[in-house]
């Protein structure tokens, strides 16, 4: 599944217009554990339902796209929401 950005996004001197999340299918429970731990750190432990949590979903999306979480943390809010939604749809 591809997420197209509203406008080009530059990260570490490379411009991105989209990211591919097809690898969500190949993530493992270990990736889920890492995403949960990241979400706990970012929210102080109170992130509610993981499958609705932005830190959790963006962490999994970063893993699927083979990008560091810092990529997701710097996304403009509209594009971050697009990525979050795409990851959320994967779990439905």
PDB file of N, CA and C in Angstrom:
ATOM      1  N   UNK A   1       0.852  -1.168   0.000  1.00  0.00           N
ATOM      2  CA  UNK A   1       0.000   0.000   0.000  1.00  0.00           C
ATOM      3  C   UNK A   1       0.894   1.225   0.000  1.00  0.00           C
ATOM      4  N   UNK A   2       0.577   2.149  -0.855  1.00  0.00           N
ATOM      5  CA  UNK A   2       1.383   3.340  -1.043  1.00  0.00           C
ATOM      6  C   UNK A   2       0.686   4.532  -0.402  1.00  0.00           C
ATOM      7  N   UNK A   3       1.474   5.381   0.260  1.00  0.00           N
ATOM      8  CA  UNK A   3       0.962   6.632   0.815  1.00  0.00           C
ATOM      9  C   UNK A   3       1.658   7.767   0.073  1.00  0.00           C
ATOM     10  N   UNK A   4       0.857   8.589  -0.589  1.00  0.00           N
ATOM     11  CA  UNK A   4       1.386   9.721  -1.347  1.00  0.00           C
ATOM     12  C   UNK A   4       1.288  10.971  -0.482  1.00  0.00           C
ATOM     13  N   UNK A   5       2.384  11.706  -0.407  1.00  0.00           N
ATOM     14  CA  UNK A   5       2.422  12.911   0.407  1.00  0.00           C
ATOM     15  C   UNK A   5       1.791  14.090  -0.324  1.00  0.00           C
ATOM     16  N   UNK A   6       1.251  15.020   0.458  1.00  0.00           N
ATOM     17  CA  UNK A   6       0.620  16.219  -0.088  1.00  0.00           C
ATOM     18  C   UNK A   6       1.626  17.050  -0.870  1.00  0.00           C
ATOM     19  N   UNK A   7       2.843  17.139  -0.349  1.00  0.00           N
ATOM     20  CA  UNK A   7       3.928  17.830  -1.054  1.00  0.00           C
ATOM     21  C   UNK A   7       5.216  17.100  -0.712  1.00  0.00           C
ATOM     22  N   UNK A   8       6.255  17.278  -1.515  1.00  0.00           N
ATOM     23  CA  UNK A   8       7.510  16.573  -1.248  1.00  0.00           C
ATOM     24  C   UNK A   8       8.030  16.847   0.166  1.00  0.00           C
ATOM     25  N   UNK A   9       8.601  15.810   0.758  1.00  0.00           N
ATOM     26  CA  UNK A   9       9.137  15.860   2.115  1.00  0.00           C
ATOM     27  C   UNK A   9      10.611  15.492   2.042  1.00  0.00           C
ATOM     28  N   UNK A  10      11.451  16.326   2.603  1.00  0.00           N
ATOM     29  CA  UNK A  10      12.885  16.078   2.583  1.00  0.00           C
ATOM     30  C   UNK A  10      13.328  15.562   3.940  1.00  0.00           C
ATOM     31  N   UNK A  11      14.020  14.438   3.906  1.00  0.00           N
ATOM     32  CA  UNK A  11      14.562  13.818   5.114  1.00  0.00           C
ATOM     33  C   UNK A  11      15.983  13.377   4.807  1.00  0.00           C
ATOM     34  N   UNK A  12      16.914  13.828   5.610  1.00  0.00           N
ATOM     35  CA  UNK A  12      18.327  13.497   5.436  1.00  0.00           C
ATOM     36  C   UNK A  12      18.786  13.731   3.994  1.00  0.00           C
ATOM     37  N   UNK A  13      18.435  14.894   3.479  1.00  0.00           N
ATOM     38  CA  UNK A  13      18.848  15.382   2.155  1.00  0.00           C
ATOM     39  C   UNK A  13      18.270  14.580   0.987  1.00  0.00           C
ATOM     40  N   UNK A  14      17.249  13.770   1.260  1.00  0.00           N
ATOM     41  CA  UNK A  14      16.577  13.029   0.198  1.00  0.00           C
ATOM     42  C   UNK A  14      15.116  13.454   0.175  1.00  0.00           C
ATOM     43  N   UNK A  15      14.581  13.665  -1.020  1.00  0.00           N
ATOM     44  CA  UNK A  15      13.188  14.091  -1.161  1.00  0.00           C
ATOM     45  C   UNK A  15      12.284  12.880  -1.391  1.00  0.00           C
ATOM     46  N   UNK A  16      11.185  12.865  -0.654  1.00  0.00           N
ATOM     47  CA  UNK A  16      10.199  11.787  -0.749  1.00  0.00           C
ATOM     48  C   UNK A  16       8.858  12.383  -1.171  1.00  0.00           C
ATOM     49  N   UNK A  17       8.192  11.723  -2.095  1.00  0.00           N
ATOM     50  CA  UNK A  17       6.840  12.128  -2.484  1.00  0.00           C
ATOM     51  C   UNK A  17       5.823  11.080  -2.043  1.00  0.00           C
ATOM     52  N   UNK A  18       6.339   9.926  -1.606  1.00  0.00           N
ATOM     53  CA  UNK A  18       5.488   8.823  -1.185  1.00  0.00           C
ATOM     54  C   UNK A  18       6.324   7.813  -0.412  1.00  0.00           C
ATOM     55  N   UNK A  19       5.638   6.941   0.296  1.00  0.00           N
ATOM     56  CA  UNK A  19       6.307   5.782   0.898  1.00  0.00           C
ATOM     57  C   UNK A  19       5.455   4.549   0.634  1.00  0.00           C
ATOM     58  N   UNK A  20       6.094   3.432   0.630  1.00  0.00           N
ATOM     59  CA  UNK A  20       5.434   2.159   0.366  1.00  0.00           C
ATOM     60  C   UNK A  20       5.343   1.371   1.673  1.00  0.00           C
ATOM     61  N   UNK A  21       4.135   0.924   2.008  1.00  0.00           N
ATOM     62  CA  UNK A  21       3.912   0.188   3.258  1.00  0.00           C
ATOM     63  C   UNK A  21       3.545  -1.275   3.027  1.00  0.00           C
ATOM     64  N   UNK A  22       3.819  -1.785   1.851  1.00  0.00           N
ATOM     65  CA  UNK A  22       3.500  -3.175   1.539  1.00  0.00           C
ATOM     66  C   UNK A  22       4.124  -4.143   2.535  1.00  0.00           C
ATOM     67  N   UNK A  23       5.279  -3.782   3.069  1.00  0.00           N
ATOM     68  CA  UNK A  23       5.978  -4.672   3.997  1.00  0.00           C
ATOM     69  C   UNK A  23       5.287  -4.804   5.355  1.00  0.00           C
ATOM     70  N   UNK A  24       4.183  -4.076   5.566  1.00  0.00           N
ATOM     71  CA  UNK A  24       3.415  -4.259   6.805  1.00  0.00           C
ATOM     72  C   UNK A  24       3.079  -5.737   6.980  1.00  0.00           C
ATOM     73  N   UNK A  25       2.825  -6.417   5.880  1.00  0.00           N
ATOM     74  CA  UNK A  25       2.466  -7.839   5.926  1.00  0.00           C
ATOM     75  C   UNK A  25       3.584  -8.706   6.490  1.00  0.00           C
ATOM     76  N   UNK A  26       4.817  -8.223   6.410  1.00  0.00           N
ATOM     77  CA  UNK A  26       5.965  -9.032   6.838  1.00  0.00           C
ATOM     78  C   UNK A  26       6.507  -8.644   8.203  1.00  0.00           C
ATOM     79  N   UNK A  27       5.863  -7.722   8.875  1.00  0.00           N
ATOM     80  CA  UNK A  27       6.303  -7.365  10.216  1.00  0.00           C
ATOM     81  C   UNK A  27       6.031  -8.532  11.164  1.00  0.00           C
ATOM     82  N   UNK A  28       6.751  -8.548  12.259  1.00  0.00           N
ATOM     83  CA  UNK A  28       6.635  -9.645  13.221  1.00  0.00           C
ATOM     84  C   UNK A  28       6.144  -9.127  14.571  1.00  0.00           C
ATOM     85  N   UNK A  29       5.897 -10.056  15.464  1.00  0.00           N
ATOM     86  CA  UNK A  29       5.508  -9.682  16.820  1.00  0.00           C
ATOM     87  C   UNK A  29       6.593  -8.826  17.464  1.00  0.00           C
ATOM     88  N   UNK A  30       7.842  -9.078  17.147  1.00  0.00           N
ATOM     89  CA  UNK A  30       8.943  -8.269  17.682  1.00  0.00           C
ATOM     90  C   UNK A  30       8.799  -6.800  17.257  1.00  0.00           C
ATOM     91  N   UNK A  31       8.332  -6.567  16.041  1.00  0.00           N
ATOM     92  CA  UNK A  31       8.078  -5.199  15.578  1.00  0.00           C
ATOM     93  C   UNK A  31       6.945  -4.565  16.387  1.00  0.00           C
ATOM     94  N   UNK A  32       5.942  -5.355  16.701  1.00  0.00           N
ATOM     95  CA  UNK A  32       4.827  -4.876  17.519  1.00  0.00           C
ATOM     96  C   UNK A  32       5.326  -4.509  18.915  1.00  0.00           C
ATOM     97  N   UNK A  33       6.168  -5.351  19.499  1.00  0.00           N
ATOM     98  CA  UNK A  33       6.712  -5.057  20.829  1.00  0.00           C
ATOM     99  C   UNK A  33       7.491  -3.743  20.811  1.00  0.00           C
ATOM    100  N   UNK A  34       8.301  -3.555  19.768  1.00  0.00           N
ATOM    101  CA  UNK A  34       9.090  -2.321  19.660  1.00  0.00           C
ATOM    102  C   UNK A  34       8.184  -1.111  19.505  1.00  0.00           C
ATOM    103  N   UNK A  35       7.112  -1.256  18.720  1.00  0.00           N
ATOM    104  CA  UNK A  35       6.170  -0.153  18.519  1.00  0.00           C
ATOM    105  C   UNK A  35       5.436   0.175  19.811  1.00  0.00           C
ATOM    106  N   UNK A  36       5.063  -0.837  20.567  1.00  0.00           N
ATOM    107  CA  UNK A  36       4.390  -0.608  21.853  1.00  0.00           C
ATOM    108  C   UNK A  36       5.325   0.111  22.829  1.00  0.00           C
ATOM    109  N   UNK A  37       6.575  -0.322  22.887  1.00  0.00           N
ATOM    110  CA  UNK A  37       7.548   0.316  23.786  1.00  0.00           C
ATOM    111  C   UNK A  37       7.763   1.774  23.382  1.00  0.00           C
ATOM    112  N   UNK A  38       7.870   2.025  22.086  1.00  0.00           N
ATOM    113  CA  UNK A  38       8.033   3.394  21.593  1.00  0.00           C
ATOM    114  C   UNK A  38       6.821   4.242  21.966  1.00  0.00           C
ATOM    115  N   UNK A  39       5.626   3.715  21.768  1.00  0.00           N
ATOM    116  CA  UNK A  39       4.400   4.459  22.091  1.00  0.00           C
ATOM    117  C   UNK A  39       4.335   4.773  23.578  1.00  0.00           C
ATOM    118  N   UNK A  40       4.734   3.820  24.421  1.00  0.00           N
ATOM    119  CA  UNK A  40       4.751   4.064  25.871  1.00  0.00           C
ATOM    120  C   UNK A  40       5.715   5.200  26.227  1.00  0.00           C
ATOM    121  N   UNK A  41       6.891   5.189  25.609  1.00  0.00           N
ATOM    122  CA  UNK A  41       7.869   6.258  25.872  1.00  0.00           C
ATOM    123  C   UNK A  41       7.348   7.619  25.419  1.00  0.00           C
ATOM    124  N   UNK A  42       6.720   7.664  24.265  1.00  0.00           N
ATOM    125  CA  UNK A  42       6.245   8.936  23.708  1.00  0.00           C
ATOM    126  C   UNK A  42       5.049   9.489  24.472  1.00  0.00           C
ATOM    127  N   UNK A  43       4.244   8.638  25.043  1.00  0.00           N
ATOM    128  CA  UNK A  43       3.004   9.089  25.683  1.00  0.00           C
ATOM    129  C   UNK A  43       3.049   8.994  27.205  1.00  0.00           C
ATOM    130  N   UNK A  44       4.135   8.536  27.747  1.00  0.00           N
ATOM    131  CA  UNK A  44       4.200   8.354  29.186  1.00  0.00           C
ATOM    132  C   UNK A  44       3.396   7.155  29.659  1.00  0.00           C
ATOM    133  N   UNK A  45       3.105   6.251  28.746  1.00  0.00           N
ATOM    134  CA  UNK A  45       2.424   5.017  29.101  1.00  0.00           C
ATOM    135  C   UNK A  45       0.938   4.992  28.829  1.00  0.00           C
ATOM    136  N   UNK A  46       0.323   6.126  28.567  1.00  0.00           N
ATOM    137  CA  UNK A  46      -1.125   6.151  28.383  1.00  0.00           C
ATOM    138  C   UNK A  46      -1.531   6.378  26.947  1.00  0.00           C
ATOM    139  N   UNK A  47      -1.366   5.358  26.110  1.00  0.00           N
ATOM    140  CA  UNK A  47      -1.718   5.541  24.707  1.00  0.00           C
ATOM    141  C   UNK A  47      -2.996   4.826  24.304  1.00  0.00           C
ATOM    142  N   UNK A  48      -3.750   4.276  25.226  1.00  0.00           N
ATOM    143  CA  UNK A  48      -5.034   3.658  24.911  1.00  0.00           C
ATOM    144  C   UNK A  48      -4.888   2.428  24.046  1.00  0.00           C
ATOM    145  N   UNK A  49      -5.786   2.283  23.103  1.00  0.00           N
ATOM    146  CA  UNK A  49      -5.778   1.134  22.191  1.00  0.00           C
ATOM    147  C   UNK A  49      -4.633   1.318  21.197  1.00  0.00           C
ATOM    148  N   UNK A  50      -3.714   0.381  21.188  1.00  0.00           N
ATOM    149  CA  UNK A  50      -2.514   0.510  20.352  1.00  0.00           C
ATOM    150  C   UNK A  50      -2.847   0.752  18.886  1.00  0.00           C
ATOM    151  N   UNK A  51      -3.837   0.035  18.382  1.00  0.00           N
ATOM    152  CA  UNK A  51      -4.165   0.131  16.959  1.00  0.00           C
ATOM    153  C   UNK A  51      -4.747   1.489  16.559  1.00  0.00           C
ATOM    154  N   UNK A  52      -4.985   2.366  17.531  1.00  0.00           N
ATOM    155  CA  UNK A  52      -5.451   3.729  17.252  1.00  0.00           C
ATOM    156  C   UNK A  52      -4.403   4.778  17.603  1.00  0.00           C
ATOM    157  N   UNK A  53      -3.283   4.365  18.146  1.00  0.00           N
ATOM    158  CA  UNK A  53      -2.260   5.268  18.647  1.00  0.00           C
ATOM    159  C   UNK A  53      -1.321   5.722  17.528  1.00  0.00           C
ATOM    160  N   UNK A  54      -1.171   7.031  17.376  1.00  0.00           N
ATOM    161  CA  UNK A  54      -0.276   7.560  16.339  1.00  0.00           C
ATOM    162  C   UNK A  54       1.166   7.077  16.534  1.00  0.00           C
ATOM    163  N   UNK A  55       1.745   7.167  17.741  1.00  0.00           N
ATOM    164  CA  UNK A  55       3.128   6.693  17.876  1.00  0.00           C
ATOM    165  C   UNK A  55       3.292   5.215  17.510  1.00  0.00           C
ATOM    166  N   UNK A  56       2.355   4.401  17.932  1.00  0.00           N
ATOM    167  CA  UNK A  56       2.401   2.963  17.638  1.00  0.00           C
ATOM    168  C   UNK A  56       2.322   2.711  16.133  1.00  0.00           C
ATOM    169  N   UNK A  57       1.323   3.307  15.503  1.00  0.00           N
ATOM    170  CA  UNK A  57       1.106   3.078  14.071  1.00  0.00           C
ATOM    171  C   UNK A  57       2.228   3.662  13.220  1.00  0.00           C
ATOM    172  N   UNK A  58       2.705   4.833  13.571  1.00  0.00           N
ATOM    173  CA  UNK A  58       3.798   5.437  12.795  1.00  0.00           C
ATOM    174  C   UNK A  58       5.095   4.661  12.977  1.00  0.00           C
ATOM    175  N   UNK A  59       5.297   4.080  14.143  1.00  0.00           N
ATOM    176  CA  UNK A  59       6.483   3.242  14.354  1.00  0.00           C
ATOM    177  C   UNK A  59       6.429   2.006  13.469  1.00  0.00           C
ATOM    178  N   UNK A  60       5.274   1.361  13.412  1.00  0.00           N
ATOM    179  CA  UNK A  60       5.129   0.188  12.538  1.00  0.00           C
ATOM    180  C   UNK A  60       5.277   0.574  11.075  1.00  0.00           C
ATOM    181  N   UNK A  61       4.731   1.720  10.687  1.00  0.00           N
ATOM    182  CA  UNK A  61       4.866   2.184   9.303  1.00  0.00           C
ATOM    183  C   UNK A  61       6.330   2.450   8.968  1.00  0.00           C
ATOM    184  N   UNK A  62       7.063   3.030   9.902  1.00  0.00           N
ATOM    185  CA  UNK A  62       8.493   3.274   9.681  1.00  0.00           C
ATOM    186  C   UNK A  62       9.222   1.951   9.465  1.00  0.00           C
ATOM    187  N   UNK A  63       8.904   0.959  10.276  1.00  0.00           N
ATOM    188  CA  UNK A  63       9.529  -0.354  10.123  1.00  0.00           C
ATOM    189  C   UNK A  63       9.192  -0.963   8.765  1.00  0.00           C
ATOM    190  N   UNK A  64       7.932  -0.851   8.366  1.00  0.00           N
ATOM    191  CA  UNK A  64       7.506  -1.412   7.080  1.00  0.00           C
ATOM    192  C   UNK A  64       8.184  -0.705   5.907  1.00  0.00           C
ATOM    193  N   UNK A  65       8.362   0.602   6.027  1.00  0.00           N
ATOM    194  CA  UNK A  65       8.985   1.385   4.956  1.00  0.00           C
ATOM    195  C   UNK A  65      10.508   1.341   5.028  1.00  0.00           C
ATOM    196  N   UNK A  66      11.024   0.672   6.060  1.00  0.00           N
ATOM    197  CA  UNK A  66      12.469   0.572   6.279  1.00  0.00           C
ATOM    198  C   UNK A  66      13.103   1.960   6.413  1.00  0.00           C
ATOM    199  N   UNK A  67      12.426   2.782   7.213  1.00  0.00           N
ATOM    200  CA  UNK A  67      12.884   4.135   7.497  1.00  0.00           C
ATOM    201  C   UNK A  67      12.991   4.305   9.006  1.00  0.00           C
ATOM    202  N   UNK A  68      13.861   5.193   9.470  1.00  0.00           N
ATOM    203  CA  UNK A  68      13.930   5.423  10.918  1.00  0.00           C
ATOM    204  C   UNK A  68      12.685   6.161  11.403  1.00  0.00           C
ATOM    205  N   UNK A  69      12.362   5.997  12.671  1.00  0.00           N
ATOM    206  CA  UNK A  69      11.184   6.656  13.232  1.00  0.00           C
ATOM    207  C   UNK A  69      11.298   8.171  13.112  1.00  0.00           C
ATOM    208  N   UNK A  70      12.493   8.695  13.090  1.00  0.00           N
ATOM    209  CA  UNK A  70      12.686  10.139  12.941  1.00  0.00           C
ATOM    210  C   UNK A  70      12.087  10.658  11.632  1.00  0.00           C
ATOM    211  N   UNK A  71      12.023   9.796  10.623  1.00  0.00           N
ATOM    212  CA  UNK A  71      11.362  10.170   9.370  1.00  0.00           C
ATOM    213  C   UNK A  71       9.904  10.506   9.647  1.00  0.00           C
ATOM    214  N   UNK A  72       9.233   9.629  10.372  1.00  0.00           N
ATOM    215  CA  UNK A  72       7.814   9.833  10.673  1.00  0.00           C
ATOM    216  C   UNK A  72       7.607  11.016  11.607  1.00  0.00           C
ATOM    217  N   UNK A  73       8.495  11.180  12.575  1.00  0.00           N
ATOM    218  CA  UNK A  73       8.362  12.268  13.536  1.00  0.00           C
ATOM    219  C   UNK A  73       8.437  13.647  12.882  1.00  0.00           C
ATOM    220  N   UNK A  74       9.115  13.745  11.759  1.00  0.00           N
ATOM    221  CA  UNK A  74       9.255  15.025  11.079  1.00  0.00           C
ATOM    222  C   UNK A  74       8.229  15.302   9.999  1.00  0.00           C
ATOM    223  N   UNK A  75       7.353  14.330   9.728  1.00  0.00           N
ATOM    224  CA  UNK A  75       6.346  14.522   8.676  1.00  0.00           C
ATOM    225  C   UNK A  75       5.395  15.667   9.020  1.00  0.00           C
ATOM    226  N   UNK A  76       4.975  16.427   8.010  1.00  0.00           N
ATOM    227  CA  UNK A  76       3.900  17.390   8.255  1.00  0.00           C
ATOM    228  C   UNK A  76       2.658  16.645   8.754  1.00  0.00           C
ATOM    229  N   UNK A  77       1.856  17.325   9.541  1.00  0.00           N
ATOM    230  CA  UNK A  77       0.737  16.665  10.230  1.00  0.00           C
ATOM    231  C   UNK A  77      -0.227  15.959   9.264  1.00  0.00           C
ATOM    232  N   UNK A  78      -0.532  16.567   8.123  1.00  0.00           N
ATOM    233  CA  UNK A  78      -1.458  15.915   7.189  1.00  0.00           C
ATOM    234  C   UNK A  78      -0.887  14.611   6.650  1.00  0.00           C
ATOM    235  N   UNK A  79       0.403  14.612   6.335  1.00  0.00           N
ATOM    236  CA  UNK A  79       1.019  13.392   5.821  1.00  0.00           C
ATOM    237  C   UNK A  79       1.170  12.349   6.922  1.00  0.00           C
ATOM    238  N   UNK A  80       1.475  12.786   8.134  1.00  0.00           N
ATOM    239  CA  UNK A  80       1.540  11.851   9.262  1.00  0.00           C
ATOM    240  C   UNK A  80       0.177  11.188   9.467  1.00  0.00           C
ATOM    241  N   UNK A  81      -0.892  11.978   9.338  1.00  0.00           N
ATOM    242  CA  UNK A  81      -2.245  11.423   9.481  1.00  0.00           C
ATOM    243  C   UNK A  81      -2.541  10.424   8.367  1.00  0.00           C
ATOM    244  N   UNK A  82      -2.080  10.693   7.169  1.00  0.00           N
ATOM    245  CA  UNK A  82      -2.284   9.754   6.053  1.00  0.00           C
ATOM    246  C   UNK A  82      -1.584   8.426   6.326  1.00  0.00           C
ATOM    247  N   UNK A  83      -0.348   8.520   6.808  1.00  0.00           N
ATOM    248  CA  UNK A  83       0.412   7.308   7.108  1.00  0.00           C
ATOM    249  C   UNK A  83      -0.260   6.549   8.254  1.00  0.00           C
ATOM    250  N   UNK A  84      -0.659   7.264   9.283  1.00  0.00           N
ATOM    251  CA  UNK A  84      -1.335   6.630  10.423  1.00  0.00           C
ATOM    252  C   UNK A  84      -2.594   5.898   9.951  1.00  0.00           C
ATOM    253  N   UNK A  85      -3.394   6.561   9.121  1.00  0.00           N
ATOM    254  CA  UNK A  85      -4.630   5.955   8.637  1.00  0.00           C
ATOM    255  C   UNK A  85      -4.336   4.697   7.812  1.00  0.00           C
ATOM    256  N   UNK A  86      -3.337   4.774   6.933  1.00  0.00           N
ATOM    257  CA  UNK A  86      -2.992   3.609   6.109  1.00  0.00           C
ATOM    258  C   UNK A  86      -2.583   2.431   6.989  1.00  0.00           C
ATOM    259  N   UNK A  87      -1.803   2.706   8.030  1.00  0.00           N
ATOM    260  CA  UNK A  87      -1.395   1.637   8.937  1.00  0.00           C
ATOM    261  C   UNK A  87      -2.590   1.107   9.716  1.00  0.00           C
ATOM    262  N   UNK A  88      -3.505   1.984  10.117  1.00  0.00           N
ATOM    263  CA  UNK A  88      -4.690   1.568  10.850  1.00  0.00           C
ATOM    264  C   UNK A  88      -5.578   0.669   9.971  1.00  0.00           C
ATOM    265  N   UNK A  89      -5.732   1.024   8.721  1.00  0.00           N
ATOM    266  CA  UNK A  89      -6.538   0.226   7.787  1.00  0.00           C
ATOM    267  C   UNK A  89      -5.959  -1.180   7.638  1.00  0.00           C
ATOM    268  N   UNK A  90      -4.638  -1.288   7.680  1.00  0.00           N
ATOM    269  CA  UNK A  90      -4.009  -2.590   7.571  1.00  0.00           C
ATOM    270  C   UNK A  90      -4.526  -3.553   8.631  1.00  0.00           C
ATOM    271  N   UNK A  91      -4.794  -3.047   9.835  1.00  0.00           N
ATOM    272  CA  UNK A  91      -5.219  -3.912  10.934  1.00  0.00           C
ATOM    273  C   UNK A  91      -6.717  -4.205  10.937  1.00  0.00           C
ATOM    274  N   UNK A  92      -7.456  -3.631  10.044  1.00  0.00           N
ATOM    275  CA  UNK A  92      -8.909  -3.868  10.022  1.00  0.00           C
ATOM    276  C   UNK A  92      -9.269  -5.048   9.175  1.00  0.00           C
TER     277      UNK A  92
END
